[in-house]
Amino acid sequence: PIWYGIIVEGASQLPSGSVSGNTLADNPGKGIVADGAITVSSNKIWGSSIGIDAVGFATIQSNTIFDSQIGINFECSTTSTVNANTINDAVTGLAGVPDSLGSANTYFNVGAIRTSGC
């Protein structure tokens, strides 16, 4: 099974709110899944396959992600905002980033800063 740390998502309506100040460690799946007008900030995530999954309309800022396959996955969303995050020891820093989007994050020991494919 795939394990998730925190999931905030909606099927027919987009939720709003925030996920802030959490520490998640050694989660084999996704650390945080944000689907909706969700602000994800000031979290620390260690050892997740995907640190944060930003499905749509999410604001992802000031998080620290260590030891993940993918730091933050945009899932090709053109409506998510990702900035001021620190990503350490990841195979890919940002994945599924539409070519039209840029972001200001800090990377250490990251194989690929960003991949698009959207």
Protein backbone atom coordinates (compact mmCIF):
# COMPACT_ATOMS: atom_id res chain seq x y z
CA PRO A 1 0.00 0.00 0.00
CA ILE A 2 0.99 3.63 -0.49
CA TRP A 3 1.16 5.61 2.73
CA TYR A 4 0.39 9.29 3.04
CA GLY A 5 1.26 11.61 5.91
CA ILE A 6 -1.35 14.39 5.55
CA ILE A 7 -4.02 14.58 2.84
CA VAL A 8 -6.15 17.66 2.24
CA GLU A 9 -8.25 17.17 -0.87
CA GLY A 10 -11.74 17.46 -2.24
CA ALA A 11 -13.53 15.62 -5.03
CA SER A 12 -16.36 17.87 -6.19
CA GLN A 13 -15.32 21.06 -4.41
CA LEU A 14 -11.93 22.51 -3.67
CA PRO A 15 -11.24 22.87 0.03
CA SER A 16 -9.33 25.75 1.51
CA GLY A 17 -7.18 25.95 4.60
CA SER A 18 -3.61 25.37 5.65
CA VAL A 19 -1.17 22.68 6.67
CA SER A 20 1.57 24.31 8.71
CA GLY A 21 4.27 23.52 11.26
CA ASN A 22 4.23 19.72 10.97
CA THR A 23 7.12 17.26 11.06
CA LEU A 24 6.72 14.06 9.06
CA ALA A 25 9.43 11.40 9.08
CA ASP A 26 10.07 8.12 7.26
CA ASN A 27 6.83 8.07 5.30
CA PRO A 28 7.27 5.70 2.31
CA GLY A 29 4.59 7.45 0.19
CA LYS A 30 3.66 11.11 -0.05
CA GLY A 31 4.36 13.40 2.90
CA ILE A 32 1.62 15.97 2.18
CA VAL A 33 -1.03 15.94 -0.55
CA ALA A 34 -2.60 19.37 -1.16
CA ASP A 35 -5.53 19.41 -3.57
CA GLY A 36 -7.39 22.71 -3.40
CA ALA A 37 -6.77 26.26 -2.25
CA ILE A 38 -4.46 24.96 0.45
CA THR A 39 -1.44 26.75 1.91
CA VAL A 40 1.32 24.33 2.89
CA SER A 41 4.00 26.15 4.87
CA SER A 42 6.75 25.67 7.44
CA ASN A 43 6.62 21.86 7.42
CA LYS A 44 9.61 19.51 7.75
CA ILE A 45 9.43 16.29 5.76
CA TRP A 46 12.03 13.49 5.86
CA GLY A 47 12.19 10.27 3.91
CA SER A 48 9.05 10.41 1.75
CA SER A 49 8.89 9.18 -1.82
CA ILE A 50 7.27 12.54 -2.68
CA GLY A 51 7.63 15.28 -0.09
CA ILE A 52 4.65 17.41 -1.18
CA ASP A 53 2.14 16.67 -3.93
CA ALA A 54 0.64 20.01 -5.12
CA VAL A 55 -2.38 18.90 -7.13
CA GLY A 56 -3.95 22.28 -7.83
CA PHE A 57 -4.43 25.83 -6.51
CA ALA A 58 -1.99 25.06 -3.68
CA THR A 59 0.51 27.52 -2.24
CA ILE A 60 3.64 25.66 -1.13
CA GLN A 61 6.13 27.85 0.75
CA SER A 62 8.88 27.78 3.38
CA ASN A 63 8.94 23.99 3.75
CA THR A 64 12.06 21.87 4.27
CA ILE A 65 12.21 18.51 2.52
CA PHE A 66 15.01 15.98 3.09
CA ASP A 67 15.81 12.60 1.54
CA SER A 68 12.97 12.21 -0.97
CA GLN A 69 12.78 10.83 -4.50
CA ILE A 70 10.83 13.98 -5.48
CA GLY A 71 10.77 17.09 -3.31
CA ILE A 72 7.59 18.71 -4.69
CA ASN A 73 5.38 17.30 -7.45
CA PHE A 74 3.27 19.84 -9.35
CA GLU A 75 1.33 17.15 -11.26
CA CYS A 76 1.44 19.60 -14.19
CA SER A 77 -0.77 22.08 -12.31
CA THR A 78 -0.49 25.61 -13.68
CA THR A 79 -2.40 26.98 -10.68
CA SER A 80 -0.04 26.02 -7.86
CA THR A 81 2.56 28.39 -6.42
CA VAL A 82 5.81 26.99 -5.06
CA ASN A 83 8.51 29.22 -3.57
CA ALA A 84 11.00 29.67 -0.72
CA ASN A 85 11.23 25.93 0.00
CA THR A 86 14.47 24.10 0.81
CA ILE A 87 14.99 20.70 -0.77
CA ASN A 88 17.93 18.50 0.33
CA ASP A 89 19.08 15.09 -0.90
CA ALA A 90 16.43 14.47 -3.55
CA VAL A 91 16.64 12.73 -6.90
CA THR A 92 14.39 15.47 -8.36
CA GLY A 93 13.65 18.80 -6.68
CA LEU A 94 10.47 19.75 -8.58
CA ALA A 95 8.63 17.32 -10.85
CA GLY A 96 5.78 17.80 -13.31
CA VAL A 97 6.41 21.55 -13.55
CA PRO A 98 4.73 23.26 -16.51
CA ASP A 99 7.32 25.10 -18.62
CA SER A 100 5.52 28.40 -18.01
CA LEU A 101 6.10 28.29 -14.24
CA GLY A 102 9.20 29.29 -12.36
CA SER A 103 9.91 29.21 -8.67
CA ALA A 104 12.54 30.44 -6.23
CA ASN A 105 13.60 27.58 -3.98
CA THR A 106 16.90 26.42 -2.46
CA TYR A 107 18.43 23.07 -3.44
CA PHE A 108 21.26 21.02 -1.92
CA ASN A 109 22.49 17.70 -3.30
CA VAL A 110 19.61 17.38 -5.80
CA GLY A 111 20.08 15.31 -8.97
CA ALA A 112 17.69 17.33 -11.19
CA ILE A 113 16.33 20.71 -10.10
CA ARG A 114 13.12 20.39 -12.17
CA THR A 115 11.46 18.16 -14.71
CA SER A 116 8.49 19.15 -16.84
CA GLY A 117 6.92 16.71 -19.29
CA CYS A 118 3.63 18.62 -19.17
